[in-house]
Amino acid sequence: MSLLHPTLGEMFDRVVALTVKVGVCEDEGKDASRFREEIHEICSGISQDKKDLCAKFEKELIDIHVEMFDMIACAEKGTEVSSVHLQKLNRRRVAIREEINKESGEYKGPERI
């Protein structure tokens, strides 16, 4: 990963995370404009064929981000959460990013060492 040259998987993962944040902000009556602006900025740099490639991973990635967000929110409120389950969700999220990168030809190797 490079902050200056993120892969398609990394960009799409970020878009999904921001989309979840927009939903939470809307539910709580908070301003989500900064998240929408970043979504627009990222999406403007992704071609339609690459967006189509990402679409098949969208539902699973959204579900993962929502579950992780909920678990983190619970932990912040003092509710015990399973760190093992959170790690499992994060590993799957990273695996999806790698699958997107492989299919887009941007895969340079696993994130984990």
PDB file of N, CA and C in Angstrom:
ATOM      1  N   MET A   1       0.840  -1.177   0.000  1.00  0.00           N
ATOM      2  CA  MET A   1       0.000   0.000   0.000  1.00  0.00           C
ATOM      3  C   MET A   1       0.879   1.232   0.000  1.00  0.00           C
ATOM      4  N   SER A   2       0.453   2.211  -0.731  1.00  0.00           N
ATOM      5  CA  SER A   2       1.120   3.501  -0.756  1.00  0.00           C
ATOM      6  C   SER A   2       0.049   4.569  -0.572  1.00  0.00           C
ATOM      7  N   LEU A   3       0.274   5.470   0.324  1.00  0.00           N
ATOM      8  CA  LEU A   3      -0.697   6.547   0.526  1.00  0.00           C
ATOM      9  C   LEU A   3      -0.820   7.419  -0.713  1.00  0.00           C
ATOM     10  N   LEU A   4       0.254   7.515  -1.483  1.00  0.00           N
ATOM     11  CA  LEU A   4       0.218   8.332  -2.692  1.00  0.00           C
ATOM     12  C   LEU A   4      -0.355   7.597  -3.891  1.00  0.00           C
ATOM     13  N   HIS A   5      -0.310   6.269  -3.844  1.00  0.00           N
ATOM     14  CA  HIS A   5      -0.813   5.464  -4.957  1.00  0.00           C
ATOM     15  C   HIS A   5      -1.586   4.264  -4.410  1.00  0.00           C
ATOM     16  N   PRO A   6      -2.745   4.497  -3.816  1.00  0.00           N
ATOM     17  CA  PRO A   6      -3.503   3.370  -3.257  1.00  0.00           C
ATOM     18  C   PRO A   6      -4.017   2.455  -4.365  1.00  0.00           C
ATOM     19  N   THR A   7      -4.172   1.197  -4.021  1.00  0.00           N
ATOM     20  CA  THR A   7      -4.711   0.225  -4.976  1.00  0.00           C
ATOM     21  C   THR A   7      -6.225   0.369  -5.048  1.00  0.00           C
ATOM     22  N   LEU A   8      -6.803  -0.261  -6.039  1.00  0.00           N
ATOM     23  CA  LEU A   8      -8.257  -0.245  -6.190  1.00  0.00           C
ATOM     24  C   LEU A   8      -8.928  -0.834  -4.952  1.00  0.00           C
ATOM     25  N   GLY A   9      -8.381  -1.926  -4.429  1.00  0.00           N
ATOM     26  CA  GLY A   9      -8.960  -2.545  -3.239  1.00  0.00           C
ATOM     27  C   GLY A   9      -8.961  -1.607  -2.053  1.00  0.00           C
ATOM     28  N   GLU A  10      -7.870  -0.880  -1.873  1.00  0.00           N
ATOM     29  CA  GLU A  10      -7.776   0.064  -0.763  1.00  0.00           C
ATOM     30  C   GLU A  10      -8.756   1.229  -0.943  1.00  0.00           C
ATOM     31  N   MET A  11      -8.858   1.728  -2.178  1.00  0.00           N
ATOM     32  CA  MET A  11      -9.786   2.829  -2.423  1.00  0.00           C
ATOM     33  C   MET A  11     -11.231   2.393  -2.205  1.00  0.00           C
ATOM     34  N   PHE A  12     -11.575   1.203  -2.703  1.00  0.00           N
ATOM     35  CA  PHE A  12     -12.947   0.740  -2.552  1.00  0.00           C
ATOM     36  C   PHE A  12     -13.273   0.457  -1.091  1.00  0.00           C
ATOM     37  N   ASP A  13     -12.338  -0.109  -0.358  1.00  0.00           N
ATOM     38  CA  ASP A  13     -12.528  -0.356   1.066  1.00  0.00           C
ATOM     39  C   ASP A  13     -12.793   0.968   1.789  1.00  0.00           C
ATOM     40  N   ARG A  14     -12.058   1.994   1.428  1.00  0.00           N
ATOM     41  CA  ARG A  14     -12.250   3.314   2.047  1.00  0.00           C
ATOM     42  C   ARG A  14     -13.613   3.886   1.693  1.00  0.00           C
ATOM     43  N   VAL A  15     -14.044   3.739   0.453  1.00  0.00           N
ATOM     44  CA  VAL A  15     -15.364   4.229   0.046  1.00  0.00           C
ATOM     45  C   VAL A  15     -16.452   3.543   0.864  1.00  0.00           C
ATOM     46  N   VAL A  16     -16.330   2.240   1.046  1.00  0.00           N
ATOM     47  CA  VAL A  16     -17.332   1.505   1.827  1.00  0.00           C
ATOM     48  C   VAL A  16     -17.337   1.979   3.277  1.00  0.00           C
ATOM     49  N   ALA A  17     -16.156   2.146   3.869  1.00  0.00           N
ATOM     50  CA  ALA A  17     -16.071   2.627   5.249  1.00  0.00           C
ATOM     51  C   ALA A  17     -16.712   4.007   5.378  1.00  0.00           C
ATOM     52  N   LEU A  18     -16.453   4.881   4.420  1.00  0.00           N
ATOM     53  CA  LEU A  18     -17.047   6.218   4.448  1.00  0.00           C
ATOM     54  C   LEU A  18     -18.559   6.165   4.260  1.00  0.00           C
ATOM     55  N   THR A  19     -19.027   5.261   3.423  1.00  0.00           N
ATOM     56  CA  THR A  19     -20.467   5.098   3.198  1.00  0.00           C
ATOM     57  C   THR A  19     -21.166   4.690   4.489  1.00  0.00           C
ATOM     58  N   VAL A  20     -20.549   3.799   5.241  1.00  0.00           N
ATOM     59  CA  VAL A  20     -21.105   3.394   6.537  1.00  0.00           C
ATOM     60  C   VAL A  20     -21.134   4.594   7.475  1.00  0.00           C
ATOM     61  N   LYS A  21     -20.083   5.391   7.484  1.00  0.00           N
ATOM     62  CA  LYS A  21     -20.050   6.581   8.335  1.00  0.00           C
ATOM     63  C   LYS A  21     -21.143   7.577   7.949  1.00  0.00           C
ATOM     64  N   VAL A  22     -21.386   7.737   6.663  1.00  0.00           N
ATOM     65  CA  VAL A  22     -22.464   8.616   6.214  1.00  0.00           C
ATOM     66  C   VAL A  22     -23.797   8.134   6.771  1.00  0.00           C
ATOM     67  N   GLY A  23     -24.045   6.827   6.691  1.00  0.00           N
ATOM     68  CA  GLY A  23     -25.284   6.261   7.216  1.00  0.00           C
ATOM     69  C   GLY A  23     -25.442   6.500   8.707  1.00  0.00           C
ATOM     70  N   VAL A  24     -24.376   6.327   9.457  1.00  0.00           N
ATOM     71  CA  VAL A  24     -24.414   6.551  10.901  1.00  0.00           C
ATOM     72  C   VAL A  24     -24.687   8.026  11.191  1.00  0.00           C
ATOM     73  N   CYS A  25     -23.992   8.899  10.480  1.00  0.00           N
ATOM     74  CA  CYS A  25     -24.215  10.341  10.674  1.00  0.00           C
ATOM     75  C   CYS A  25     -25.662  10.719  10.388  1.00  0.00           C
ATOM     76  N   GLU A  26     -26.209  10.199   9.313  1.00  0.00           N
ATOM     77  CA  GLU A  26     -27.601  10.496   8.968  1.00  0.00           C
ATOM     78  C   GLU A  26     -28.554   9.990  10.043  1.00  0.00           C
ATOM     79  N   ASP A  27     -28.298   8.794  10.546  1.00  0.00           N
ATOM     80  CA  ASP A  27     -29.144   8.237  11.612  1.00  0.00           C
ATOM     81  C   ASP A  27     -29.090   9.094  12.874  1.00  0.00           C
ATOM     82  N   GLU A  28     -27.928   9.697  13.125  1.00  0.00           N
ATOM     83  CA  GLU A  28     -27.738  10.480  14.348  1.00  0.00           C
ATOM     84  C   GLU A  28     -27.929  11.980  14.130  1.00  0.00           C
ATOM     85  N   GLY A  29     -28.333  12.377  12.924  1.00  0.00           N
ATOM     86  CA  GLY A  29     -28.555  13.786  12.628  1.00  0.00           C
ATOM     87  C   GLY A  29     -27.280  14.618  12.601  1.00  0.00           C
ATOM     88  N   LYS A  30     -26.163  14.003  12.270  1.00  0.00           N
ATOM     89  CA  LYS A  30     -24.878  14.708  12.220  1.00  0.00           C
ATOM     90  C   LYS A  30     -24.509  15.026  10.775  1.00  0.00           C
ATOM     91  N   ASP A  31     -23.632  16.002  10.618  1.00  0.00           N
ATOM     92  CA  ASP A  31     -23.163  16.413   9.297  1.00  0.00           C
ATOM     93  C   ASP A  31     -22.219  15.360   8.718  1.00  0.00           C
ATOM     94  N   ALA A  32     -22.517  14.892   7.528  1.00  0.00           N
ATOM     95  CA  ALA A  32     -21.689  13.877   6.871  1.00  0.00           C
ATOM     96  C   ALA A  32     -21.031  14.413   5.609  1.00  0.00           C
ATOM     97  N   SER A  33     -21.060  15.722   5.427  1.00  0.00           N
ATOM     98  CA  SER A  33     -20.566  16.296   4.170  1.00  0.00           C
ATOM     99  C   SER A  33     -19.095  15.974   3.912  1.00  0.00           C
ATOM    100  N   ARG A  34     -18.270  15.940   4.942  1.00  0.00           N
ATOM    101  CA  ARG A  34     -16.845  15.651   4.721  1.00  0.00           C
ATOM    102  C   ARG A  34     -16.639  14.221   4.223  1.00  0.00           C
ATOM    103  N   PHE A  35     -17.496  13.312   4.689  1.00  0.00           N
ATOM    104  CA  PHE A  35     -17.392  11.923   4.229  1.00  0.00           C
ATOM    105  C   PHE A  35     -17.876  11.808   2.784  1.00  0.00           C
ATOM    106  N   ARG A  36     -18.972  12.513   2.469  1.00  0.00           N
ATOM    107  CA  ARG A  36     -19.481  12.495   1.092  1.00  0.00           C
ATOM    108  C   ARG A  36     -18.457  13.088   0.119  1.00  0.00           C
ATOM    109  N   GLU A  37     -17.796  14.165   0.541  1.00  0.00           N
ATOM    110  CA  GLU A  37     -16.778  14.791  -0.310  1.00  0.00           C
ATOM    111  C   GLU A  37     -15.635  13.824  -0.600  1.00  0.00           C
ATOM    112  N   GLU A  38     -15.206  13.088   0.413  1.00  0.00           N
ATOM    113  CA  GLU A  38     -14.117  12.136   0.200  1.00  0.00           C
ATOM    114  C   GLU A  38     -14.557  10.990  -0.698  1.00  0.00           C
ATOM    115  N   ILE A  39     -15.801  10.523  -0.511  1.00  0.00           N
ATOM    116  CA  ILE A  39     -16.335   9.473  -1.390  1.00  0.00           C
ATOM    117  C   ILE A  39     -16.303   9.954  -2.834  1.00  0.00           C
ATOM    118  N   HIS A  40     -16.784  11.160  -3.062  1.00  0.00           N
ATOM    119  CA  HIS A  40     -16.812  11.720  -4.415  1.00  0.00           C
ATOM    120  C   HIS A  40     -15.395  11.837  -4.990  1.00  0.00           C
ATOM    121  N   GLU A  41     -14.475  12.299  -4.163  1.00  0.00           N
ATOM    122  CA  GLU A  41     -13.084  12.466  -4.599  1.00  0.00           C
ATOM    123  C   GLU A  41     -12.479  11.121  -5.010  1.00  0.00           C
ATOM    124  N   ILE A  42     -12.686  10.110  -4.193  1.00  0.00           N
ATOM    125  CA  ILE A  42     -12.133   8.787  -4.507  1.00  0.00           C
ATOM    126  C   ILE A  42     -12.808   8.203  -5.741  1.00  0.00           C
ATOM    127  N   CYS A  43     -14.135   8.251  -5.772  1.00  0.00           N
ATOM    128  CA  CYS A  43     -14.874   7.640  -6.885  1.00  0.00           C
ATOM    129  C   CYS A  43     -14.575   8.306  -8.221  1.00  0.00           C
ATOM    130  N   SER A  44     -14.256   9.595  -8.189  1.00  0.00           N
ATOM    131  CA  SER A  44     -13.945  10.280  -9.445  1.00  0.00           C
ATOM    132  C   SER A  44     -12.660   9.739 -10.072  1.00  0.00           C
ATOM    133  N   GLY A  45     -11.833   9.076  -9.283  1.00  0.00           N
ATOM    134  CA  GLY A  45     -10.598   8.506  -9.797  1.00  0.00           C
ATOM    135  C   GLY A  45     -10.686   7.032 -10.153  1.00  0.00           C
ATOM    136  N   ILE A  46     -11.882   6.461 -10.077  1.00  0.00           N
ATOM    137  CA  ILE A  46     -12.060   5.030 -10.380  1.00  0.00           C
ATOM    138  C   ILE A  46     -12.893   4.904 -11.655  1.00  0.00           C
ATOM    139  N   SER A  47     -12.363   4.208 -12.644  1.00  0.00           N
ATOM    140  CA  SER A  47     -13.084   4.025 -13.909  1.00  0.00           C
ATOM    141  C   SER A  47     -14.303   3.125 -13.700  1.00  0.00           C
ATOM    142  N   GLN A  48     -15.253   3.228 -14.626  1.00  0.00           N
ATOM    143  CA  GLN A  48     -16.495   2.457 -14.507  1.00  0.00           C
ATOM    144  C   GLN A  48     -16.238   0.962 -14.522  1.00  0.00           C
ATOM    145  N   ASP A  49     -15.316   0.479 -15.329  1.00  0.00           N
ATOM    146  CA  ASP A  49     -15.055  -0.961 -15.374  1.00  0.00           C
ATOM    147  C   ASP A  49     -14.492  -1.452 -14.040  1.00  0.00           C
ATOM    148  N   LYS A  50     -13.698  -0.614 -13.369  1.00  0.00           N
ATOM    149  CA  LYS A  50     -13.175  -1.002 -12.063  1.00  0.00           C
ATOM    150  C   LYS A  50     -14.272  -0.924 -10.995  1.00  0.00           C
ATOM    151  N   LYS A  51     -15.193   0.031 -11.138  1.00  0.00           N
ATOM    152  CA  LYS A  51     -16.333   0.096 -10.215  1.00  0.00           C
ATOM    153  C   LYS A  51     -17.177  -1.161 -10.360  1.00  0.00           C
ATOM    154  N   ASP A  52     -17.348  -1.611 -11.597  1.00  0.00           N
ATOM    155  CA  ASP A  52     -18.106  -2.839 -11.849  1.00  0.00           C
ATOM    156  C   ASP A  52     -17.429  -4.044 -11.208  1.00  0.00           C
ATOM    157  N   LEU A  53     -16.102  -4.096 -11.270  1.00  0.00           N
ATOM    158  CA  LEU A  53     -15.343  -5.183 -10.649  1.00  0.00           C
ATOM    159  C   LEU A  53     -15.598  -5.183  -9.138  1.00  0.00           C
ATOM    160  N   CYS A  54     -15.582  -4.022  -8.526  1.00  0.00           N
ATOM    161  CA  CYS A  54     -15.772  -3.900  -7.071  1.00  0.00           C
ATOM    162  C   CYS A  54     -17.187  -4.257  -6.637  1.00  0.00           C
ATOM    163  N   ALA A  55     -18.158  -4.049  -7.504  1.00  0.00           N
ATOM    164  CA  ALA A  55     -19.565  -4.222  -7.138  1.00  0.00           C
ATOM    165  C   ALA A  55     -19.860  -5.618  -6.593  1.00  0.00           C
ATOM    166  N   LYS A  56     -19.170  -6.626  -7.096  1.00  0.00           N
ATOM    167  CA  LYS A  56     -19.460  -7.985  -6.629  1.00  0.00           C
ATOM    168  C   LYS A  56     -19.000  -8.226  -5.192  1.00  0.00           C
ATOM    169  N   PHE A  57     -18.154  -7.350  -4.667  1.00  0.00           N
ATOM    170  CA  PHE A  57     -17.671  -7.469  -3.288  1.00  0.00           C
ATOM    171  C   PHE A  57     -18.385  -6.505  -2.333  1.00  0.00           C
ATOM    172  N   GLU A  58     -19.214  -5.639  -2.898  1.00  0.00           N
ATOM    173  CA  GLU A  58     -19.789  -4.541  -2.116  1.00  0.00           C
ATOM    174  C   GLU A  58     -20.623  -4.993  -0.925  1.00  0.00           C
ATOM    175  N   LYS A  59     -21.548  -5.895  -1.127  1.00  0.00           N
ATOM    176  CA  LYS A  59     -22.444  -6.317  -0.040  1.00  0.00           C
ATOM    177  C   LYS A  59     -21.654  -6.907   1.130  1.00  0.00           C
ATOM    178  N   GLU A  60     -20.752  -7.827   0.835  1.00  0.00           N
ATOM    179  CA  GLU A  60     -19.972  -8.454   1.915  1.00  0.00           C
ATOM    180  C   GLU A  60     -19.110  -7.425   2.641  1.00  0.00           C
ATOM    181  N   LEU A  61     -18.497  -6.528   1.887  1.00  0.00           N
ATOM    182  CA  LEU A  61     -17.643  -5.525   2.510  1.00  0.00           C
ATOM    183  C   LEU A  61     -18.458  -4.551   3.368  1.00  0.00           C
ATOM    184  N   ILE A  62     -19.633  -4.179   2.908  1.00  0.00           N
ATOM    185  CA  ILE A  62     -20.508  -3.320   3.721  1.00  0.00           C
ATOM    186  C   ILE A  62     -20.885  -4.039   5.009  1.00  0.00           C
ATOM    187  N   ASP A  63     -21.287  -5.297   4.888  1.00  0.00           N
ATOM    188  CA  ASP A  63     -21.667  -6.067   6.079  1.00  0.00           C
ATOM    189  C   ASP A  63     -20.519  -6.140   7.088  1.00  0.00           C
ATOM    190  N   ILE A  64     -19.312  -6.340   6.588  1.00  0.00           N
ATOM    191  CA  ILE A  64     -18.145  -6.417   7.472  1.00  0.00           C
ATOM    192  C   ILE A  64     -17.921  -5.074   8.170  1.00  0.00           C
ATOM    193  N   HIS A  65     -17.946  -4.001   7.405  1.00  0.00           N
ATOM    194  CA  HIS A  65     -17.717  -2.674   7.998  1.00  0.00           C
ATOM    195  C   HIS A  65     -18.795  -2.320   9.018  1.00  0.00           C
ATOM    196  N   VAL A  66     -20.036  -2.628   8.725  1.00  0.00           N
ATOM    197  CA  VAL A  66     -21.123  -2.338   9.673  1.00  0.00           C
ATOM    198  C   VAL A  66     -20.915  -3.120  10.962  1.00  0.00           C
ATOM    199  N   GLU A  67     -20.603  -4.398  10.833  1.00  0.00           N
ATOM    200  CA  GLU A  67     -20.395  -5.223  12.026  1.00  0.00           C
ATOM    201  C   GLU A  67     -19.188  -4.740  12.836  1.00  0.00           C
ATOM    202  N   MET A  68     -18.115  -4.402  12.147  1.00  0.00           N
ATOM    203  CA  MET A  68     -16.932  -3.902  12.855  1.00  0.00           C
ATOM    204  C   MET A  68     -17.239  -2.565  13.540  1.00  0.00           C
ATOM    205  N   PHE A  69     -17.942  -1.691  12.849  1.00  0.00           N
ATOM    206  CA  PHE A  69     -18.308  -0.394  13.422  1.00  0.00           C
ATOM    207  C   PHE A  69     -19.157  -0.588  14.674  1.00  0.00           C
ATOM    208  N   ASP A  70     -20.138  -1.479  14.587  1.00  0.00           N
ATOM    209  CA  ASP A  70     -21.007  -1.756  15.740  1.00  0.00           C
ATOM    210  C   ASP A  70     -20.220  -2.333  16.908  1.00  0.00           C
ATOM    211  N   MET A  71     -19.302  -3.244  16.613  1.00  0.00           N
ATOM    212  CA  MET A  71     -18.494  -3.844  17.682  1.00  0.00           C
ATOM    213  C   MET A  71     -17.612  -2.804  18.359  1.00  0.00           C
ATOM    214  N   ILE A  72     -17.008  -1.941  17.584  1.00  0.00           N
ATOM    215  CA  ILE A  72     -16.152  -0.899  18.144  1.00  0.00           C
ATOM    216  C   ILE A  72     -16.973   0.080  18.975  1.00  0.00           C
ATOM    217  N   ALA A  73     -18.166   0.438  18.487  1.00  0.00           N
ATOM    218  CA  ALA A  73     -19.045   1.333  19.242  1.00  0.00           C
ATOM    219  C   ALA A  73     -19.448   0.708  20.573  1.00  0.00           C
ATOM    220  N   CYS A  74     -19.733  -0.581  20.566  1.00  0.00           N
ATOM    221  CA  CYS A  74     -20.073  -1.288  21.807  1.00  0.00           C
ATOM    222  C   CYS A  74     -18.892  -1.286  22.770  1.00  0.00           C
ATOM    223  N   ALA A  75     -17.709  -1.550  22.253  1.00  0.00           N
ATOM    224  CA  ALA A  75     -16.508  -1.572  23.097  1.00  0.00           C
ATOM    225  C   ALA A  75     -16.262  -0.202  23.723  1.00  0.00           C
ATOM    226  N   GLU A  76     -16.507   0.851  22.955  1.00  0.00           N
ATOM    227  CA  GLU A  76     -16.322   2.209  23.482  1.00  0.00           C
ATOM    228  C   GLU A  76     -17.315   2.530  24.597  1.00  0.00           C
ATOM    229  N   LYS A  77     -18.450   1.835  24.596  1.00  0.00           N
ATOM    230  CA  LYS A  77     -19.466   2.034  25.644  1.00  0.00           C
ATOM    231  C   LYS A  77     -19.250   1.092  26.827  1.00  0.00           C
ATOM    232  N   GLY A  78     -18.188   0.292  26.770  1.00  0.00           N
ATOM    233  CA  GLY A  78     -17.874  -0.595  27.875  1.00  0.00           C
ATOM    234  C   GLY A  78     -18.398  -2.008  27.740  1.00  0.00           C
ATOM    235  N   THR A  79     -19.069  -2.290  26.638  1.00  0.00           N
ATOM    236  CA  THR A  79     -19.570  -3.642  26.400  1.00  0.00           C
ATOM    237  C   THR A  79     -18.426  -4.514  25.886  1.00  0.00           C
ATOM    238  N   GLU A  80     -18.337  -5.714  26.429  1.00  0.00           N
ATOM    239  CA  GLU A  80     -17.275  -6.614  26.001  1.00  0.00           C
ATOM    240  C   GLU A  80     -17.574  -7.138  24.601  1.00  0.00           C
ATOM    241  N   VAL A  81     -16.545  -7.115  23.755  1.00  0.00           N
ATOM    242  CA  VAL A  81     -16.677  -7.654  22.403  1.00  0.00           C
ATOM    243  C   VAL A  81     -15.578  -8.682  22.180  1.00  0.00           C
ATOM    244  N   SER A  82     -15.810  -9.561  21.252  1.00  0.00           N
ATOM    245  CA  SER A  82     -14.844 -10.616  20.952  1.00  0.00           C
ATOM    246  C   SER A  82     -13.742 -10.062  20.051  1.00  0.00           C
ATOM    247  N   SER A  83     -12.548  -9.958  20.594  1.00  0.00           N
ATOM    248  CA  SER A  83     -11.425  -9.480  19.786  1.00  0.00           C
ATOM    249  C   SER A  83     -11.085 -10.504  18.702  1.00  0.00           C
ATOM    250  N   VAL A  84     -11.340 -11.762  18.981  1.00  0.00           N
ATOM    251  CA  VAL A  84     -11.085 -12.815  17.986  1.00  0.00           C
ATOM    252  C   VAL A  84     -12.012 -12.621  16.783  1.00  0.00           C
ATOM    253  N   HIS A  85     -13.279 -12.339  17.053  1.00  0.00           N
ATOM    254  CA  HIS A  85     -14.232 -12.127  15.959  1.00  0.00           C
ATOM    255  C   HIS A  85     -13.880 -10.852  15.186  1.00  0.00           C
ATOM    256  N   LEU A  86     -13.493  -9.809  15.891  1.00  0.00           N
ATOM    257  CA  LEU A  86     -13.108  -8.555  15.242  1.00  0.00           C
ATOM    258  C   LEU A  86     -11.889  -8.783  14.341  1.00  0.00           C
ATOM    259  N   GLN A  87     -10.929  -9.556  14.807  1.00  0.00           N
ATOM    260  CA  GLN A  87      -9.753  -9.879  14.000  1.00  0.00           C
ATOM    261  C   GLN A  87     -10.142 -10.701  12.774  1.00  0.00           C
ATOM    262  N   LYS A  88     -11.085 -11.613  12.953  1.00  0.00           N
ATOM    263  CA  LYS A  88     -11.552 -12.433  11.839  1.00  0.00           C
ATOM    264  C   LYS A  88     -12.215 -11.555  10.768  1.00  0.00           C
ATOM    265  N   LEU A  89     -13.042 -10.617  11.209  1.00  0.00           N
ATOM    266  CA  LEU A  89     -13.687  -9.696  10.270  1.00  0.00           C
ATOM    267  C   LEU A  89     -12.642  -8.864   9.529  1.00  0.00           C
ATOM    268  N   ASN A  90     -11.662  -8.372  10.253  1.00  0.00           N
ATOM    269  CA  ASN A  90     -10.625  -7.552   9.626  1.00  0.00           C
ATOM    270  C   ASN A  90      -9.804  -8.360   8.627  1.00  0.00           C
ATOM    271  N   ARG A  91      -9.498  -9.612   8.962  1.00  0.00           N
ATOM    272  CA  ARG A  91      -8.762 -10.465   8.020  1.00  0.00           C
ATOM    273  C   ARG A  91      -9.562 -10.676   6.736  1.00  0.00           C
ATOM    274  N   ARG A  92     -10.873 -10.859   6.867  1.00  0.00           N
ATOM    275  CA  ARG A  92     -11.704 -11.042   5.667  1.00  0.00           C
ATOM    276  C   ARG A  92     -11.747  -9.746   4.857  1.00  0.00           C
ATOM    277  N   ARG A  93     -11.809  -8.609   5.535  1.00  0.00           N
ATOM    278  CA  ARG A  93     -11.809  -7.309   4.855  1.00  0.00           C
ATOM    279  C   ARG A  93     -10.523  -7.154   4.039  1.00  0.00           C
ATOM    280  N   VAL A  94      -9.404  -7.494   4.624  1.00  0.00           N
ATOM    281  CA  VAL A  94      -8.116  -7.415   3.931  1.00  0.00           C
ATOM    282  C   VAL A  94      -8.085  -8.407   2.769  1.00  0.00           C
ATOM    283  N   ALA A  95      -8.636  -9.588   2.966  1.00  0.00           N
ATOM    284  CA  ALA A  95      -8.669 -10.597   1.897  1.00  0.00           C
ATOM    285  C   ALA A  95      -9.497 -10.099   0.709  1.00  0.00           C
ATOM    286  N   ILE A  96     -10.595  -9.407   0.992  1.00  0.00           N
ATOM    287  CA  ILE A  96     -11.420  -8.859  -0.093  1.00  0.00           C
ATOM    288  C   ILE A  96     -10.622  -7.814  -0.862  1.00  0.00           C
ATOM    289  N   ARG A  97      -9.921  -6.958  -0.148  1.00  0.00           N
ATOM    290  CA  ARG A  97      -9.085  -5.956  -0.820  1.00  0.00           C
ATOM    291  C   ARG A  97      -8.065  -6.644  -1.721  1.00  0.00           C
ATOM    292  N   GLU A  98      -7.458  -7.713  -1.224  1.00  0.00           N
ATOM    293  CA  GLU A  98      -6.475  -8.444  -2.027  1.00  0.00           C
ATOM    294  C   GLU A  98      -7.121  -9.091  -3.241  1.00  0.00           C
ATOM    295  N   GLU A  99      -8.337  -9.630  -3.086  1.00  0.00           N
ATOM    296  CA  GLU A  99      -9.044 -10.228  -4.230  1.00  0.00           C
ATOM    297  C   GLU A  99      -9.313  -9.175  -5.300  1.00  0.00           C
ATOM    298  N   ILE A 100      -9.749  -7.990  -4.869  1.00  0.00           N
ATOM    299  CA  ILE A 100      -9.994  -6.896  -5.820  1.00  0.00           C
ATOM    300  C   ILE A 100      -8.690  -6.535  -6.530  1.00  0.00           C
ATOM    301  N   ASN A 101      -7.616  -6.440  -5.763  1.00  0.00           N
ATOM    302  CA  ASN A 101      -6.324  -6.094  -6.362  1.00  0.00           C
ATOM    303  C   ASN A 101      -5.856  -7.147  -7.350  1.00  0.00           C
ATOM    304  N   LYS A 102      -6.084  -8.422  -7.037  1.00  0.00           N
ATOM    305  CA  LYS A 102      -5.695  -9.489  -7.956  1.00  0.00           C
ATOM    306  C   LYS A 102      -6.480  -9.377  -9.254  1.00  0.00           C
ATOM    307  N   GLU A 103      -7.793  -9.186  -9.133  1.00  0.00           N
ATOM    308  CA  GLU A 103      -8.630  -9.119 -10.332  1.00  0.00           C
ATOM    309  C   GLU A 103      -8.363  -7.869 -11.163  1.00  0.00           C
ATOM    310  N   SER A 104      -7.888  -6.811 -10.519  1.00  0.00           N
ATOM    311  CA  SER A 104      -7.595  -5.573 -11.256  1.00  0.00           C
ATOM    312  C   SER A 104      -6.151  -5.517 -11.741  1.00  0.00           C
ATOM    313  N   GLY A 105      -5.351  -6.523 -11.375  1.00  0.00           N
ATOM    314  CA  GLY A 105      -3.958  -6.551 -11.784  1.00  0.00           C
ATOM    315  C   GLY A 105      -3.050  -5.680 -10.934  1.00  0.00           C
ATOM    316  N   GLU A 106      -3.522  -5.273  -9.761  1.00  0.00           N
ATOM    317  CA  GLU A 106      -2.752  -4.386  -8.892  1.00  0.00           C
ATOM    318  C   GLU A 106      -2.148  -5.103  -7.685  1.00  0.00           C
ATOM    319  N   TYR A 107      -2.277  -6.416  -7.624  1.00  0.00           N
ATOM    320  CA  TYR A 107      -1.801  -7.165  -6.469  1.00  0.00           C
ATOM    321  C   TYR A 107      -0.288  -7.244  -6.466  1.00  0.00           C
ATOM    322  N   LYS A 108       0.321  -6.845  -5.343  1.00  0.00           N
ATOM    323  CA  LYS A 108       1.775  -6.866  -5.225  1.00  0.00           C
ATOM    324  C   LYS A 108       2.245  -7.823  -4.139  1.00  0.00           C
ATOM    325  N   GLY A 109       1.322  -8.542  -3.528  1.00  0.00           N
ATOM    326  CA  GLY A 109       1.659  -9.455  -2.461  1.00  0.00           C
ATOM    327  C   GLY A 109       0.768  -9.221  -1.264  1.00  0.00           C
ATOM    328  N   PRO A 110       0.811 -10.143  -0.308  1.00  0.00           N
ATOM    329  CA  PRO A 110      -0.074 -10.020   0.866  1.00  0.00           C
ATOM    330  C   PRO A 110       0.320  -8.850   1.767  1.00  0.00           C
ATOM    331  N   GLU A 111      -0.682  -8.291   2.439  1.00  0.00           N
ATOM    332  CA  GLU A 111      -0.424  -7.214   3.394  1.00  0.00           C
ATOM    333  C   GLU A 111       0.267  -7.739   4.628  1.00  0.00           C
ATOM    334  N   ARG A 112      -0.117  -8.936   5.027  1.00  0.00           N
ATOM    335  CA  ARG A 112       0.456  -9.524   6.265  1.00  0.00           C
ATOM    336  C   ARG A 112       1.827 -10.095   5.960  1.00  0.00           C
ATOM    337  N   ILE A 113       2.726  -9.917   6.926  1.00  0.00           N
ATOM    338  CA  ILE A 113       4.062 -10.475   6.761  1.00  0.00           C
ATOM    339  C   ILE A 113       4.273 -11.578   7.775  1.00  0.00           C
TER     340      ILE A 113
END
